[in-house]
Amino acid sequence: MADILRVHPDNPQSRSIRAAITTVRNGGLIVYPTDSGYAIGWSMDNVKAAKIVSQIKEIDSQHHFTMMCANISQMTEFVLLDNVAFRLIKQHTPGAYTFILEATRRVPKKLQHQKRKTIGVRIADHAVVAALLDELGEPMMTSTLEFPDIDMYELDVDDINLKVGNRVNSIISAGYTAQEPTTVIDLSDGEVTVVREGKGAIDFV
């Protein structure tokens, strides 16, 4: 089973954050809370992780994975932002939004959408996420934790451990975490296209 690291949601203990990031740096997978529910995180150079996450979620190779970024400045190293995209992201982050954009050469090809050469990026509004990224010093690959045909609202950390504790290394618990998906906005072609309406308000269409 995975190690469970219990932290305060607003002031996470640095020791637990360091332990989680050590796991990430060593090629492991973590489950952690975000402003839109639990997610799976791994390092950008972990080439095996995407396959494991796809198996856990039962998704295909055309699924968009996401880079969790600390801020827009960090984001611009990995995706191409025009003025429209920059303004929109600045106005709506941190928050429960995922933006799909064209990837730069810094993003490994295996992490990009295989046909479109795009990637999802987001800046979460959650103290645990901020602490993890500060400790890591670079974006963390992420994907919402979800299981086919299972109501995530009914799952707690112990249930998650029973479900995927043999496939992930650490689970960060920060108390109750509402599971509501992000709003997904495609900005990759210069237009603003709502791919999925989720927790983030649609106040710009």
Protein backbone atom coordinates (compact mmCIF):
# COMPACT_ATOMS: atom_id res chain seq x y z
CA MET A 1 0.00 0.00 0.00
CA ALA A 2 1.01 3.63 -0.44
CA ASP A 3 2.32 5.82 2.35
CA ILE A 4 -0.33 8.26 3.59
CA LEU A 5 1.03 11.73 4.40
CA ARG A 6 -1.46 13.77 6.40
CA VAL A 7 -1.04 17.54 6.11
CA HIS A 8 -2.88 20.72 7.05
CA PRO A 9 -4.80 22.01 3.99
CA ASP A 10 -3.78 25.65 4.46
CA ASN A 11 -0.36 25.26 6.05
CA PRO A 12 1.03 21.89 4.93
CA GLN A 13 3.90 20.51 6.98
CA SER A 14 7.17 20.90 5.11
CA ARG A 15 8.43 17.47 6.16
CA SER A 16 5.52 15.73 4.43
CA ILE A 17 5.86 17.95 1.35
CA ARG A 18 9.57 17.09 1.09
CA ALA A 19 8.78 13.39 1.44
CA ALA A 20 6.23 13.57 -1.37
CA ILE A 21 8.59 15.42 -3.71
CA THR A 22 11.39 12.98 -2.94
CA THR A 23 9.02 10.29 -4.16
CA VAL A 24 8.35 12.26 -7.35
CA ARG A 25 12.05 12.88 -7.99
CA ASN A 26 12.76 9.18 -7.49
CA GLY A 27 10.32 8.23 -10.22
CA GLY A 28 7.27 7.56 -8.05
CA LEU A 29 3.62 8.55 -8.30
CA ILE A 30 1.76 10.60 -5.70
CA VAL A 31 -1.92 11.29 -5.14
CA TYR A 32 -2.49 14.82 -3.88
CA PRO A 33 -5.35 17.27 -3.25
CA THR A 34 -6.10 20.17 -5.59
CA ASP A 35 -8.83 22.79 -5.84
CA SER A 36 -10.81 20.38 -8.02
CA GLY A 37 -10.28 17.14 -6.14
CA TYR A 38 -7.56 14.52 -5.90
CA ALA A 39 -5.03 14.13 -8.70
CA ILE A 40 -2.09 11.91 -9.59
CA GLY A 41 1.30 13.63 -9.91
CA TRP A 42 4.67 12.62 -11.36
CA SER A 43 7.84 14.20 -12.70
CA MET A 44 8.25 15.33 -16.30
CA ASP A 45 11.13 12.91 -16.89
CA ASN A 46 9.20 9.88 -15.62
CA VAL A 47 8.58 8.21 -18.98
CA LYS A 48 6.76 5.20 -17.52
CA ALA A 49 4.23 7.11 -15.42
CA ALA A 50 1.83 8.13 -18.21
CA LYS A 51 1.21 4.48 -19.10
CA ILE A 52 0.48 3.58 -15.47
CA VAL A 53 -1.88 6.53 -15.08
CA SER A 54 -3.65 5.59 -18.31
CA GLN A 55 -4.17 2.07 -16.96
CA ILE A 56 -5.51 3.38 -13.64
CA LYS A 57 -7.98 5.69 -15.39
CA GLU A 58 -8.64 3.37 -18.34
CA ILE A 59 -7.94 6.08 -20.92
CA ASP A 60 -6.30 5.92 -24.35
CA SER A 61 -3.11 7.49 -25.71
CA GLN A 62 -5.00 10.51 -27.11
CA HIS A 63 -5.86 11.79 -23.65
CA HIS A 64 -4.48 15.22 -22.70
CA PHE A 65 -2.20 15.13 -19.68
CA THR A 66 -1.57 18.37 -17.81
CA MET A 67 1.39 20.25 -16.40
CA MET A 68 0.66 21.74 -12.99
CA CYS A 69 2.54 25.06 -12.90
CA ALA A 70 3.38 27.43 -10.07
CA ASN A 71 2.68 30.61 -12.06
CA ILE A 72 2.33 32.05 -15.57
CA SER A 73 6.03 32.82 -15.81
CA GLN A 74 6.86 29.14 -15.35
CA MET A 75 4.07 28.17 -17.74
CA THR A 76 5.50 30.26 -20.60
CA GLU A 77 8.60 28.05 -20.71
CA PHE A 78 6.49 25.09 -21.80
CA VAL A 79 3.55 26.46 -23.85
CA LEU A 80 3.09 29.19 -26.46
CA LEU A 81 0.94 32.08 -25.25
CA ASP A 82 -0.47 34.80 -27.46
CA ASN A 83 -1.93 37.97 -25.95
CA VAL A 84 -5.47 36.59 -25.77
CA ALA A 85 -4.35 33.44 -23.97
CA PHE A 86 -2.08 35.35 -21.60
CA ARG A 87 -4.83 37.76 -20.53
CA LEU A 88 -7.40 35.00 -20.07
CA ILE A 89 -5.08 32.83 -18.00
CA LYS A 90 -3.92 35.78 -15.90
CA GLN A 91 -7.54 36.69 -15.11
CA HIS A 92 -8.59 33.16 -14.15
CA THR A 93 -5.62 31.75 -12.24
CA PRO A 94 -5.02 30.42 -9.77
CA GLY A 95 -8.26 28.51 -10.16
CA ALA A 96 -10.02 25.39 -11.35
CA TYR A 97 -9.20 25.72 -15.04
CA THR A 98 -7.13 23.64 -17.45
CA PHE A 99 -5.88 25.39 -20.60
CA ILE A 100 -4.85 23.47 -23.72
CA LEU A 101 -2.02 25.15 -25.61
CA GLU A 102 0.67 24.37 -28.15
CA ALA A 103 3.70 22.87 -26.43
CA THR A 104 7.21 24.28 -26.75
CA ARG A 105 10.27 22.16 -27.42
CA ARG A 106 10.88 21.89 -23.67
CA VAL A 107 7.96 19.51 -23.37
CA PRO A 108 8.98 15.90 -24.11
CA LYS A 109 7.10 14.57 -27.13
CA LYS A 110 5.74 11.66 -25.12
CA LEU A 111 3.89 14.12 -22.87
CA GLN A 112 2.28 16.02 -25.73
CA HIS A 113 -0.97 15.06 -27.43
CA GLN A 114 0.37 12.76 -30.14
CA LYS A 115 -1.64 14.29 -32.99
CA ARG A 116 -1.96 17.95 -32.00
CA LYS A 117 1.39 18.56 -30.21
CA THR A 118 -0.48 20.31 -27.42
CA ILE A 119 -0.56 19.93 -23.66
CA GLY A 120 -2.81 21.00 -20.83
CA VAL A 121 -1.54 23.49 -18.25
CA ARG A 122 -3.05 24.79 -15.04
CA ILE A 123 -2.34 26.80 -11.90
CA ALA A 124 -4.33 25.45 -8.96
CA ASP A 125 -5.66 27.49 -6.06
CA HIS A 126 -4.51 25.17 -3.27
CA ALA A 127 -1.81 25.59 -0.61
CA VAL A 128 -0.67 21.96 -0.85
CA VAL A 129 -0.15 22.26 -4.60
CA ALA A 130 1.80 25.51 -4.16
CA ALA A 131 4.04 23.89 -1.54
CA LEU A 132 4.70 20.84 -3.72
CA LEU A 133 5.66 22.94 -6.74
CA ASP A 134 7.85 25.23 -4.65
CA GLU A 135 9.73 22.21 -3.34
CA LEU A 136 9.98 20.59 -6.79
CA GLY A 137 11.14 23.75 -8.55
CA GLU A 138 9.49 22.86 -11.86
CA PRO A 139 6.05 21.88 -13.18
CA MET A 140 4.63 18.52 -12.17
CA MET A 141 2.74 16.30 -14.55
CA THR A 142 -0.76 15.68 -13.31
CA SER A 143 -4.03 13.97 -14.13
CA THR A 144 -7.32 14.02 -12.23
CA LEU A 145 -7.81 10.89 -10.15
CA GLU A 146 -10.92 9.22 -11.40
CA PHE A 147 -12.11 5.67 -11.78
CA PRO A 148 -14.61 4.40 -14.36
CA ASP A 149 -18.08 3.83 -12.91
CA ILE A 150 -17.11 4.99 -9.40
CA ASP A 151 -18.56 8.05 -7.68
CA MET A 152 -15.47 9.94 -6.50
CA TYR A 153 -17.55 11.95 -4.04
CA GLU A 154 -17.87 8.83 -1.90
CA LEU A 155 -14.15 8.06 -1.74
CA ASP A 156 -11.83 9.06 1.09
CA VAL A 157 -8.05 8.63 1.36
CA ASP A 158 -8.29 5.12 2.79
CA ASP A 159 -10.58 4.09 -0.07
CA ILE A 160 -8.13 5.57 -2.58
CA ASN A 161 -5.30 3.62 -0.95
CA LEU A 162 -7.27 0.40 -1.26
CA LYS A 163 -8.03 1.18 -4.89
CA VAL A 164 -4.61 2.31 -6.19
CA GLY A 165 -2.21 1.90 -3.26
CA ASN A 166 -0.40 -0.83 -5.16
CA ARG A 167 0.24 1.51 -8.13
CA VAL A 168 1.13 4.81 -6.44
CA ASN A 169 3.77 5.45 -3.80
CA SER A 170 2.37 8.23 -1.61
CA ILE A 171 -1.05 9.75 -0.92
CA ILE A 172 -1.30 13.24 0.59
CA SER A 173 -4.36 13.70 2.78
CA ALA A 174 -5.50 17.22 3.65
CA GLY A 175 -8.99 16.41 4.86
CA TYR A 176 -12.12 16.47 2.74
CA THR A 177 -11.47 17.35 -0.89
CA ALA A 178 -14.48 18.03 -3.11
CA GLN A 179 -14.16 16.19 -6.41
CA GLU A 180 -15.32 18.52 -9.18
CA PRO A 181 -13.42 18.58 -12.49
CA THR A 182 -11.76 21.69 -13.87
CA THR A 183 -13.21 23.71 -16.69
CA VAL A 184 -11.14 22.91 -19.80
CA ILE A 185 -10.42 25.71 -22.28
CA ASP A 186 -8.71 25.07 -25.62
CA LEU A 187 -6.59 28.08 -26.66
CA SER A 188 -4.28 26.24 -29.04
CA ASP A 189 -5.63 27.68 -32.30
CA GLY A 190 -6.06 31.31 -31.27
CA GLU A 191 -9.73 30.85 -30.38
CA VAL A 192 -11.39 30.35 -26.99
CA THR A 193 -13.16 26.98 -27.02
CA VAL A 194 -14.80 25.48 -23.94
CA VAL A 195 -14.05 21.76 -24.09
CA ARG A 196 -15.59 20.91 -20.72
CA GLU A 197 -17.55 23.04 -18.30
CA GLY A 198 -16.52 22.23 -14.74
CA LYS A 199 -15.82 24.03 -11.48
CA GLY A 200 -14.31 27.14 -13.09
CA ALA A 201 -16.97 29.71 -14.02
CA ILE A 202 -17.58 30.38 -17.71
CA ASP A 203 -17.66 34.18 -17.59
CA PHE A 204 -15.66 34.99 -20.68
CA VAL A 205 -17.60 33.42 -23.58
